C-alpha atoms as a PDB file:
ATOM      1  CA  MET A   1      14.106  39.787   3.750  1.00  0.00           C
ATOM      2  CA  VAL A   2      14.638  37.730   6.942  1.00  0.00           C
ATOM      3  CA  VAL A   3      11.047  36.892   6.975  1.00  0.00           C
ATOM      4  CA  ALA A   4      11.071  35.797   3.599  1.00  0.00           C
ATOM      5  CA  ILE A   5      14.090  33.569   4.200  1.00  0.00           C
ATOM      6  CA  ARG A   6      12.452  32.019   7.385  1.00  0.00           C
ATOM      7  CA  ARG A   7       9.238  31.249   5.251  1.00  0.00           C
ATOM      8  CA  VAL A   8      11.454  29.464   2.769  1.00  0.00           C
ATOM      9  CA  TRP A   9      13.575  27.570   5.545  1.00  0.00           C
ATOM     10  CA  LEU A  10      10.172  26.770   7.291  1.00  0.00           C
ATOM     11  CA  GLY A  11       8.439  25.315   3.858  1.00  0.00           C
ATOM     12  CA  ALA A  12      11.763  23.367   3.108  1.00  0.00           C
ATOM     13  CA  LEU A  13      11.703  21.695   6.494  1.00  0.00           C
ATOM     14  CA  LEU A  14       7.921  20.932   6.528  1.00  0.00           C
ATOM     15  CA  GLY A  15       8.459  19.463   2.769  1.00  0.00           C
ATOM     16  CA  SER A  16      11.221  17.251   4.095  1.00  0.00           C
ATOM     17  CA  LEU A  17       9.401  16.163   6.982  1.00  0.00           C
ATOM     18  CA  ALA A  18       6.529  15.149   4.982  1.00  0.00           C
ATOM     19  CA  ALA A  19       8.841  13.546   2.466  1.00  0.00           C
ATOM     20  CA  PHE A  20      10.293  11.363   5.502  1.00  0.00           C
ATOM     21  CA  ALA A  21       6.900  10.524   6.830  1.00  0.00           C
ATOM     22  CA  VAL A  22       5.995   9.111   3.338  1.00  0.00           C
ATOM     23  CA  ALA A  23       9.259   7.280   3.025  1.00  0.00           C
ATOM     24  CA  GLN A  24       8.384   5.510   6.343  1.00  0.00           C
ATOM     25  CA  ALA A  25       5.147   3.991   5.353  1.00  0.00           C
ATOM     26  CA  GLU A  26       5.500   0.572   4.097  1.00  0.00           C
ATOM     27  CA  GLU A  27       3.006  -2.493   3.030  1.00  0.00           C
ATOM     28  CA  VAL A  28       3.412  -5.345   5.418  1.00  0.00           C
ATOM     29  CA  GLN A  29       1.749  -8.826   5.374  1.00  0.00           C
ATOM     30  CA  SER A  30       0.824  -9.280   9.113  1.00  0.00           C
ATOM     31  CA  VAL A  31       0.806  -7.059  12.306  1.00  0.00           C
ATOM     32  CA  ALA A  32       0.503  -7.652  16.036  1.00  0.00           C
ATOM     33  CA  THR A  33      -2.314  -5.334  17.653  1.00  0.00           C
ATOM     34  CA  PRO A  34      -2.977  -4.174  21.162  1.00  0.00           C
ATOM     35  CA  GLY A  35      -6.565  -5.582  20.559  1.00  0.00           C
ATOM     36  CA  LYS A  36      -8.248  -2.047  19.751  1.00  0.00           C
ATOM     37  CA  GLY A  37      -8.586   0.068  16.772  1.00  0.00           C
ATOM     38  CA  ASP A  38     -10.882   2.862  15.150  1.00  0.00           C
ATOM     39  CA  LEU A  39     -13.413   1.427  12.240  1.00  0.00           C
ATOM     40  CA  THR A  40     -14.155   3.699   9.292  1.00  0.00           C
ATOM     41  CA  MET A  41     -17.282   2.197   7.316  1.00  0.00           C
ATOM     42  CA  CYS A  42     -18.250   3.849   4.212  1.00  0.00           C
ATOM     43  CA  SER A  43     -21.643   3.664   1.973  1.00  0.00           C
ATOM     44  CA  TYR A  44     -22.722   5.926  -0.864  1.00  0.00           C
ATOM     45  CA  ARG A  45     -24.080   8.307   1.983  1.00  0.00           C
ATOM     46  CA  GLY A  46     -20.500   8.879   3.535  1.00  0.00           C
ATOM     47  CA  CYS A  47     -18.219   7.384   6.115  1.00  0.00           C
ATOM     48  CA  ASN A  48     -18.766   6.690   9.838  1.00  0.00           C
ATOM     49  CA  LEU A  49     -15.925   6.415  12.460  1.00  0.00           C
ATOM     50  CA  TYR A  50     -16.321   4.072  15.448  1.00  0.00           C
ATOM     51  CA  HIS A  51     -13.896   4.263  18.185  1.00  0.00           C
ATOM     52  CA  HIS A  52     -12.545   1.263  20.242  1.00  0.00           C
ATOM     53  CA  ILE A  53     -13.177  -1.604  18.206  1.00  0.00           C
ATOM     54  CA  LYS A  54     -11.892  -4.992  19.504  1.00  0.00           C
ATOM     55  CA  LEU A  55      -9.450  -6.756  17.261  1.00  0.00           C
ATOM     56  CA  PRO A  56      -7.415  -9.892  17.231  1.00  0.00           C
ATOM     57  CA  ALA A  57      -3.951  -9.827  18.573  1.00  0.00           C
ATOM     58  CA  GLN A  58      -2.587 -10.580  14.917  1.00  0.00           C
ATOM     59  CA  ILE A  59      -3.867  -9.390  11.609  1.00  0.00           C
ATOM     60  CA  ALA A  60      -2.852 -10.679   8.410  1.00  0.00           C
ATOM     61  CA  VAL A  61      -3.748  -9.787   4.748  1.00  0.00           C
ATOM     62  CA  GLY A  62      -6.385 -12.184   3.623  1.00  0.00           C
ATOM     63  CA  ASP A  63      -7.811 -12.619   7.103  1.00  0.00           C
ATOM     64  CA  LYS A  64     -11.542 -11.557   7.490  1.00  0.00           C
ATOM     65  CA  VAL A  65     -11.576  -9.948  11.183  1.00  0.00           C
ATOM     66  CA  ARG A  66     -14.887 -10.134  12.822  1.00  0.00           C
ATOM     67  CA  VAL A  67     -15.643  -6.559  14.310  1.00  0.00           C
ATOM     68  CA  ARG A  68     -18.945  -5.501  16.268  1.00  0.00           C
ATOM     69  CA  PHE A  69     -19.887  -1.613  16.086  1.00  0.00           C
ATOM     70  CA  GLY A  70     -22.168   1.046  16.625  1.00  0.00           C
ATOM     71  CA  SER A  71     -24.615   2.018  19.463  1.00  0.00           C
ATOM     72  CA  ASN A  72     -26.863  -0.798  17.940  1.00  0.00           C
ATOM     73  CA  PRO A  73     -24.093  -3.127  17.601  1.00  0.00           C
ATOM     74  CA  LYS A  74     -23.622  -4.783  13.864  1.00  0.00           C
ATOM     75  CA  GLN A  75     -21.173  -7.337  13.246  1.00  0.00           C
ATOM     76  CA  TYR A  76     -19.232  -7.234  10.278  1.00  0.00           C
ATOM     77  CA  ARG A  77     -16.282  -9.574   8.872  1.00  0.00           C
ATOM     78  CA  PHE A  78     -13.920  -7.036   7.767  1.00  0.00           C
ATOM     79  CA  PRO A  79     -11.804  -8.350   4.710  1.00  0.00           C
ATOM     80  CA  VAL A  80      -8.022  -7.408   5.328  1.00  0.00           C
ATOM     81  CA  ALA A  81      -6.751  -6.767   1.721  1.00  0.00           C
ATOM     82  CA  ARG A  82      -3.862  -4.436   2.717  1.00  0.00           C
ATOM     83  CA  ILE A  83      -2.053  -3.405   5.631  1.00  0.00           C
ATOM     84  CA  VAL A  84       0.236  -0.059   5.760  1.00  0.00           C
ATOM     85  CA  HIS A  85       2.632   0.296   8.714  1.00  0.00           C
ATOM     86  CA  THR A  86       3.765   3.777   9.314  1.00  0.00           C
ATOM     87  CA  GLY A  87       6.046   4.557  12.477  1.00  0.00           C
ATOM     88  CA  ASP A  88       4.120   2.893  15.277  1.00  0.00           C
ATOM     89  CA  ALA A  89       0.539   3.118  13.728  1.00  0.00           C
ATOM     90  CA  CYS A  90      -1.071   0.839  10.989  1.00  0.00           C
ATOM     91  CA  THR A  91      -4.012   1.453   8.863  1.00  0.00           C
ATOM     92  CA  ILE A  92      -5.746  -1.862   7.426  1.00  0.00           C
ATOM     93  CA  TYR A  93      -7.724  -1.619   4.396  1.00  0.00           C
ATOM     94  CA  SER A  94     -10.534  -3.402   2.826  1.00  0.00           C
ATOM     95  CA  GLN A  95      -9.426  -3.085  -0.668  1.00  0.00           C
ATOM     96  CA  THR A  96      -5.946  -2.772  -2.444  1.00  0.00           C
ATOM     97  CA  THR A  97      -6.250   0.614  -4.135  1.00  0.00           C
ATOM     98  CA  ASP A  98      -8.085   3.511  -2.855  1.00  0.00           C
ATOM     99  CA  THR A  99      -6.987   4.878   0.693  1.00  0.00           C
ATOM    100  CA  GLU A 100      -9.853   7.758   1.201  1.00  0.00           C
ATOM    101  CA  GLY A 101     -13.578   7.131   1.489  1.00  0.00           C
ATOM    102  CA  VAL A 102     -13.095   3.491   2.087  1.00  0.00           C
ATOM    103  CA  GLU A 103     -13.465   0.862   4.835  1.00  0.00           C
ATOM    104  CA  LYS A 104     -10.340   0.917   6.994  1.00  0.00           C
ATOM    105  CA  ILE A 105      -9.220  -0.005  10.501  1.00  0.00           C
ATOM    106  CA  GLU A 106      -6.691   2.249  12.070  1.00  0.00           C
ATOM    107  CA  VAL A 107      -4.411   0.938  15.033  1.00  0.00           C
ATOM    108  CA  ALA A 108      -2.587   3.612  17.081  1.00  0.00           C
ATOM    109  CA  SER A 109       0.177   1.161  18.072  1.00  0.00           C
ATOM    110  CA  CYS A 110       1.131  -1.753  16.206  1.00  0.00           C
ATOM    111  CA  VAL A 111       4.080  -3.845  15.373  1.00  0.00           C
ATOM    112  CA  VAL A 112       5.066  -5.870  12.200  1.00  0.00           C
ATOM    113  CA  ASP A 113       4.585  -9.544  12.567  1.00  0.00           C
ATOM    114  CA  THR A 114       7.427 -11.662  10.823  1.00  0.00           C
ATOM    115  CA  ARG A 115       6.206 -14.944  12.105  1.00  0.00           C
ATOM    116  CA  PRO A 116       4.889 -17.378   9.255  1.00  0.00           C
ATOM    117  CA  HIS A 117       1.072 -17.907   9.677  1.00  0.00           C
END
């Protein structure tokens, strides 16, 4: 009986924490970055993750961020379609709808930039 009660309580706690985390995610128009992030590039063969990509100090929706990635460096102009800020982190998407299996830049520490651009 005690084990069942603990499981129910733990399940309720984890559900509440997950709901809180989702509630904290917000779409923003611009962020200030520490100058680096992780790039996910996807094709029909799957997605690849590239760490420590150099980024500009500010990124806004509508920008085209120039990135270099890979062991045989490639250059790409990443189109910023959507920015989702969650806690201290943010995810910058190349499209407005999907969030899985898409090109994105994840920044571990970013700040919402409220200055006009």
